[in-house]
Amino acid sequence: MAWWLLIVAGLLETGWAIGLKYTEGFTRPLASCLTIAGIVASMYLLSVAARTIPIGTAYAVWVGIGAAGAVVLGMLLLGEPRNAGRLFFLGLLLVAVVGLKATSGD
């Protein structure tokens, strides 16, 4: 159950990271409220997951999911560059997240 909570927390991190772009410096109320709600929910779920998953692993997986998701959504929604180098390093990030999960002992 903790791993599922951590995955959801990571997906919420992706959402609030992209949401920051849409807040326009927290000048847009709806986008700002949704982004803040995403931050709170993501951190709460991370803290619940970290009750049973080692904090180093939980935090790294949470950040990895959020970073990878933000890169992918940045490419899809915001026109960020898509090139072989970025995709290669995105793949390395995903391998690291899976490796941490596989070696966590849970």
N, C-alpha and C. Protein backbone atom coordinates (compact mmCIF):
# COMPACT_ATOMS: atom_id res chain seq x y z
N MET A 1 0.82 -1.20 0.00
CA MET A 1 0.00 0.00 0.00
C MET A 1 0.86 1.26 0.00
N ALA A 2 1.97 1.24 0.75
CA ALA A 2 2.84 2.41 0.84
C ALA A 2 3.42 2.77 -0.52
N TRP A 3 3.74 1.76 -1.32
CA TRP A 3 4.30 2.05 -2.64
C TRP A 3 3.27 2.70 -3.54
N TRP A 4 2.02 2.29 -3.44
CA TRP A 4 0.96 2.93 -4.24
C TRP A 4 0.77 4.39 -3.82
N LEU A 5 0.82 4.63 -2.52
CA LEU A 5 0.72 6.01 -2.03
C LEU A 5 1.89 6.84 -2.54
N LEU A 6 3.07 6.24 -2.56
CA LEU A 6 4.25 6.95 -3.04
C LEU A 6 4.14 7.26 -4.53
N ILE A 7 3.60 6.34 -5.30
CA ILE A 7 3.41 6.59 -6.73
C ILE A 7 2.42 7.73 -6.95
N VAL A 8 1.32 7.71 -6.22
CA VAL A 8 0.35 8.80 -6.34
C VAL A 8 0.98 10.12 -5.91
N ALA A 9 1.77 10.09 -4.84
CA ALA A 9 2.47 11.31 -4.39
C ALA A 9 3.39 11.84 -5.48
N GLY A 10 4.09 10.94 -6.15
CA GLY A 10 4.97 11.35 -7.25
C GLY A 10 4.21 11.93 -8.43
N LEU A 11 3.06 11.34 -8.73
CA LEU A 11 2.23 11.88 -9.82
C LEU A 11 1.68 13.26 -9.45
N LEU A 12 1.31 13.42 -8.18
CA LEU A 12 0.86 14.74 -7.72
C LEU A 12 2.01 15.75 -7.79
N GLU A 13 3.22 15.29 -7.52
CA GLU A 13 4.37 16.19 -7.63
C GLU A 13 4.54 16.64 -9.08
N THR A 14 4.36 15.72 -10.00
CA THR A 14 4.40 16.09 -11.42
C THR A 14 3.37 17.17 -11.70
N GLY A 15 2.15 16.96 -11.18
CA GLY A 15 1.07 17.93 -11.42
C GLY A 15 1.37 19.30 -10.86
N TRP A 16 1.90 19.36 -9.62
CA TRP A 16 2.14 20.69 -9.07
C TRP A 16 3.36 21.34 -9.70
N ALA A 17 4.33 20.55 -10.13
CA ALA A 17 5.49 21.14 -10.80
C ALA A 17 5.06 21.81 -12.11
N ILE A 18 4.24 21.12 -12.87
CA ILE A 18 3.72 21.73 -14.11
C ILE A 18 2.76 22.86 -13.76
N GLY A 19 2.00 22.69 -12.70
CA GLY A 19 1.07 23.73 -12.27
C GLY A 19 1.75 25.05 -11.97
N LEU A 20 3.00 24.99 -11.49
CA LEU A 20 3.73 26.23 -11.22
C LEU A 20 3.82 27.11 -12.47
N LYS A 21 3.97 26.48 -13.61
CA LYS A 21 4.05 27.24 -14.86
C LYS A 21 2.74 27.98 -15.11
N TYR A 22 1.63 27.34 -14.80
CA TYR A 22 0.32 27.92 -15.07
C TYR A 22 -0.12 28.95 -14.02
N THR A 23 0.56 29.01 -12.88
CA THR A 23 0.19 30.01 -11.87
C THR A 23 0.65 31.41 -12.26
N GLU A 24 1.62 31.46 -13.17
CA GLU A 24 2.22 32.73 -13.59
C GLU A 24 2.65 33.55 -12.37
N GLY A 25 3.50 32.91 -11.55
CA GLY A 25 4.00 33.57 -10.36
C GLY A 25 2.96 33.73 -9.27
N PHE A 26 2.03 32.80 -9.21
CA PHE A 26 0.92 32.80 -8.24
C PHE A 26 0.03 34.03 -8.40
N THR A 27 -0.12 34.46 -9.64
CA THR A 27 -1.04 35.58 -9.93
C THR A 27 -2.38 35.10 -10.46
N ARG A 28 -2.50 33.82 -10.78
CA ARG A 28 -3.75 33.26 -11.27
C ARG A 28 -4.35 32.41 -10.15
N PRO A 29 -5.48 32.86 -9.57
CA PRO A 29 -6.02 32.22 -8.36
C PRO A 29 -6.34 30.74 -8.50
N LEU A 30 -7.05 30.33 -9.55
CA LEU A 30 -7.43 28.92 -9.66
C LEU A 30 -6.21 28.03 -9.81
N ALA A 31 -5.34 28.38 -10.73
CA ALA A 31 -4.12 27.59 -10.93
C ALA A 31 -3.28 27.57 -9.66
N SER A 32 -3.22 28.68 -8.96
CA SER A 32 -2.45 28.75 -7.71
C SER A 32 -3.04 27.85 -6.64
N CYS A 33 -4.34 27.89 -6.48
CA CYS A 33 -5.00 27.04 -5.47
C CYS A 33 -4.82 25.55 -5.79
N LEU A 34 -4.97 25.18 -7.05
CA LEU A 34 -4.78 23.78 -7.44
C LEU A 34 -3.34 23.33 -7.23
N THR A 35 -2.41 24.21 -7.54
CA THR A 35 -0.99 23.88 -7.35
C THR A 35 -0.66 23.70 -5.88
N ILE A 36 -1.14 24.61 -5.04
CA ILE A 36 -0.90 24.50 -3.60
C ILE A 36 -1.55 23.23 -3.04
N ALA A 37 -2.75 22.92 -3.49
CA ALA A 37 -3.41 21.69 -3.04
C ALA A 37 -2.60 20.46 -3.46
N GLY A 38 -2.04 20.49 -4.66
CA GLY A 38 -1.20 19.39 -5.13
C GLY A 38 0.05 19.23 -4.29
N ILE A 39 0.66 20.36 -3.91
CA ILE A 39 1.85 20.32 -3.06
C ILE A 39 1.53 19.68 -1.72
N VAL A 40 0.46 20.13 -1.10
CA VAL A 40 0.08 19.62 0.23
C VAL A 40 -0.25 18.13 0.15
N ALA A 41 -1.06 17.74 -0.82
CA ALA A 41 -1.45 16.34 -0.94
C ALA A 41 -0.24 15.45 -1.24
N SER A 42 0.64 15.92 -2.12
CA SER A 42 1.82 15.15 -2.47
C SER A 42 2.73 14.94 -1.27
N MET A 43 2.97 15.99 -0.52
CA MET A 43 3.83 15.87 0.67
C MET A 43 3.19 15.00 1.74
N TYR A 44 1.88 15.11 1.91
CA TYR A 44 1.19 14.29 2.89
C TYR A 44 1.33 12.80 2.53
N LEU A 45 1.08 12.46 1.28
CA LEU A 45 1.19 11.06 0.86
C LEU A 45 2.62 10.57 0.97
N LEU A 46 3.59 11.42 0.66
CA LEU A 46 4.99 11.04 0.85
C LEU A 46 5.26 10.72 2.32
N SER A 47 4.75 11.55 3.21
CA SER A 47 4.99 11.32 4.63
C SER A 47 4.34 10.03 5.12
N VAL A 48 3.17 9.71 4.61
CA VAL A 48 2.50 8.46 4.99
C VAL A 48 3.29 7.27 4.45
N ALA A 49 3.72 7.35 3.19
CA ALA A 49 4.49 6.25 2.61
C ALA A 49 5.82 6.04 3.35
N ALA A 50 6.41 7.15 3.81
CA ALA A 50 7.71 7.07 4.49
C ALA A 50 7.61 6.43 5.88
N ARG A 51 6.41 6.15 6.34
CA ARG A 51 6.27 5.42 7.61
C ARG A 51 6.83 4.00 7.47
N THR A 52 6.72 3.42 6.27
CA THR A 52 7.17 2.04 6.08
C THR A 52 8.30 1.91 5.07
N ILE A 53 8.43 2.85 4.15
CA ILE A 53 9.51 2.81 3.16
C ILE A 53 10.65 3.67 3.71
N PRO A 54 11.89 3.19 3.61
CA PRO A 54 13.02 4.02 4.08
C PRO A 54 12.96 5.41 3.44
N ILE A 55 13.20 6.45 4.23
CA ILE A 55 13.01 7.82 3.76
C ILE A 55 13.90 8.15 2.56
N GLY A 56 15.12 7.67 2.55
CA GLY A 56 16.00 7.94 1.41
C GLY A 56 15.44 7.39 0.12
N THR A 57 14.93 6.17 0.19
CA THR A 57 14.32 5.54 -0.98
C THR A 57 13.03 6.25 -1.35
N ALA A 58 12.18 6.51 -0.36
CA ALA A 58 10.88 7.15 -0.63
C ALA A 58 11.09 8.52 -1.28
N TYR A 59 12.00 9.31 -0.72
CA TYR A 59 12.21 10.65 -1.25
C TYR A 59 12.78 10.59 -2.67
N ALA A 60 13.75 9.72 -2.90
CA ALA A 60 14.35 9.61 -4.22
C ALA A 60 13.34 9.15 -5.26
N VAL A 61 12.50 8.19 -4.91
CA VAL A 61 11.48 7.72 -5.84
C VAL A 61 10.45 8.82 -6.11
N TRP A 62 10.03 9.52 -5.06
CA TRP A 62 9.07 10.62 -5.18
C TRP A 62 9.61 11.70 -6.12
N VAL A 63 10.85 12.11 -5.90
CA VAL A 63 11.48 13.13 -6.75
C VAL A 63 11.64 12.60 -8.17
N GLY A 64 12.05 11.34 -8.28
CA GLY A 64 12.25 10.76 -9.62
C GLY A 64 10.98 10.72 -10.44
N ILE A 65 9.88 10.29 -9.81
CA ILE A 65 8.59 10.26 -10.52
C ILE A 65 8.19 11.68 -10.91
N GLY A 66 8.33 12.61 -9.96
CA GLY A 66 7.96 13.99 -10.24
C GLY A 66 8.80 14.62 -11.34
N ALA A 67 10.11 14.39 -11.28
CA ALA A 67 11.01 14.95 -12.29
C ALA A 67 10.75 14.35 -13.67
N ALA A 68 10.62 13.04 -13.73
CA ALA A 68 10.36 12.39 -15.01
C ALA A 68 9.02 12.84 -15.58
N GLY A 69 8.02 12.90 -14.74
CA GLY A 69 6.71 13.35 -15.20
C GLY A 69 6.73 14.78 -15.68
N ALA A 70 7.45 15.64 -14.96
CA ALA A 70 7.53 17.05 -15.37
C ALA A 70 8.26 17.19 -16.71
N VAL A 71 9.28 16.39 -16.92
CA VAL A 71 9.99 16.43 -18.21
C VAL A 71 9.06 15.99 -19.34
N VAL A 72 8.36 14.88 -19.14
CA VAL A 72 7.46 14.37 -20.18
C VAL A 72 6.34 15.37 -20.46
N LEU A 73 5.69 15.87 -19.40
CA LEU A 73 4.60 16.84 -19.61
C LEU A 73 5.13 18.15 -20.18
N GLY A 74 6.33 18.53 -19.79
CA GLY A 74 6.93 19.73 -20.37
C GLY A 74 7.10 19.58 -21.88
N MET A 75 7.50 18.40 -22.31
CA MET A 75 7.63 18.15 -23.75
C MET A 75 6.27 18.14 -24.44
N LEU A 76 5.29 17.48 -23.80
CA LEU A 76 3.98 17.33 -24.43
C LEU A 76 3.14 18.60 -24.39
N LEU A 77 3.17 19.31 -23.27
CA LEU A 77 2.27 20.45 -23.09
C LEU A 77 2.91 21.81 -23.31
N LEU A 78 4.20 21.90 -23.03
CA LEU A 78 4.84 23.21 -23.02
C LEU A 78 5.84 23.42 -24.14
N GLY A 79 5.95 22.46 -25.03
CA GLY A 79 6.84 22.61 -26.17
C GLY A 79 8.32 22.57 -25.83
N GLU A 80 8.66 21.93 -24.70
CA GLU A 80 10.07 21.82 -24.35
C GLU A 80 10.77 20.88 -25.33
N PRO A 81 12.09 21.02 -25.47
CA PRO A 81 12.82 20.24 -26.48
C PRO A 81 12.71 18.73 -26.28
N ARG A 82 12.59 18.04 -27.40
CA ARG A 82 12.63 16.58 -27.42
C ARG A 82 13.84 16.20 -28.26
N ASN A 83 14.81 15.64 -27.61
CA ASN A 83 15.98 15.19 -28.36
C ASN A 83 16.52 13.92 -27.72
N ALA A 84 17.43 13.30 -28.43
CA ALA A 84 17.95 12.01 -27.98
C ALA A 84 18.61 12.11 -26.61
N GLY A 85 19.34 13.17 -26.37
CA GLY A 85 20.02 13.33 -25.08
C GLY A 85 19.04 13.40 -23.92
N ARG A 86 18.00 14.22 -24.07
CA ARG A 86 17.00 14.34 -22.99
C ARG A 86 16.29 13.01 -22.76
N LEU A 87 15.94 12.32 -23.82
CA LEU A 87 15.26 11.03 -23.68
C LEU A 87 16.17 9.98 -23.05
N PHE A 88 17.45 10.02 -23.40
CA PHE A 88 18.41 9.09 -22.80
C PHE A 88 18.50 9.30 -21.29
N PHE A 89 18.66 10.54 -20.87
CA PHE A 89 18.79 10.81 -19.45
C PHE A 89 17.48 10.61 -18.70
N LEU A 90 16.36 10.82 -19.36
CA LEU A 90 15.07 10.49 -18.76
C LEU A 90 15.00 8.98 -18.51
N GLY A 91 15.47 8.20 -19.47
CA GLY A 91 15.53 6.74 -19.29
C GLY A 91 16.42 6.34 -18.12
N LEU A 92 17.57 7.01 -17.98
CA LEU A 92 18.45 6.72 -16.85
C LEU A 92 17.76 7.03 -15.52
N LEU A 93 17.02 8.12 -15.49
CA LEU A 93 16.29 8.48 -14.28
C LEU A 93 15.28 7.40 -13.92
N LEU A 94 14.55 6.92 -14.90
CA LEU A 94 13.56 5.87 -14.65
C LEU A 94 14.23 4.57 -14.20
N VAL A 95 15.37 4.24 -14.78
CA VAL A 95 16.11 3.04 -14.34
C VAL A 95 16.53 3.20 -12.88
N ALA A 96 16.97 4.39 -12.50
CA ALA A 96 17.37 4.64 -11.11
C ALA A 96 16.19 4.48 -10.15
N VAL A 97 15.02 5.00 -10.52
CA VAL A 97 13.84 4.87 -9.67
C VAL A 97 13.46 3.40 -9.50
N VAL A 98 13.43 2.67 -10.58
CA VAL A 98 13.10 1.25 -10.51
C VAL A 98 14.15 0.50 -9.70
N GLY A 99 15.42 0.84 -9.88
CA GLY A 99 16.49 0.21 -9.11
C GLY A 99 16.37 0.45 -7.62
N LEU A 100 16.02 1.67 -7.24
CA LEU A 100 15.84 1.96 -5.82
C LEU A 100 14.68 1.15 -5.24
N LYS A 101 13.61 1.05 -6.00
CA LYS A 101 12.46 0.27 -5.54
C LYS A 101 12.86 -1.19 -5.39
N ALA A 102 13.58 -1.71 -6.38
CA ALA A 102 13.95 -3.13 -6.38
C ALA A 102 14.91 -3.49 -5.26
N THR A 103 15.72 -2.55 -4.82
CA THR A 103 16.72 -2.85 -3.80
C THR A 103 16.36 -2.32 -2.42
N SER A 104 15.10 -1.87 -2.25
CA SER A 104 14.72 -1.28 -0.97
C SER A 104 14.48 -2.32 0.13
N GLY A 105 14.29 -3.57 -0.25
CA GLY A 105 14.05 -4.61 0.74
C GLY A 105 12.61 -4.74 1.18
N ASP A 106 11.69 -4.02 0.55
CA ASP A 106 10.26 -4.11 0.91
C ASP A 106 9.59 -5.20 0.11
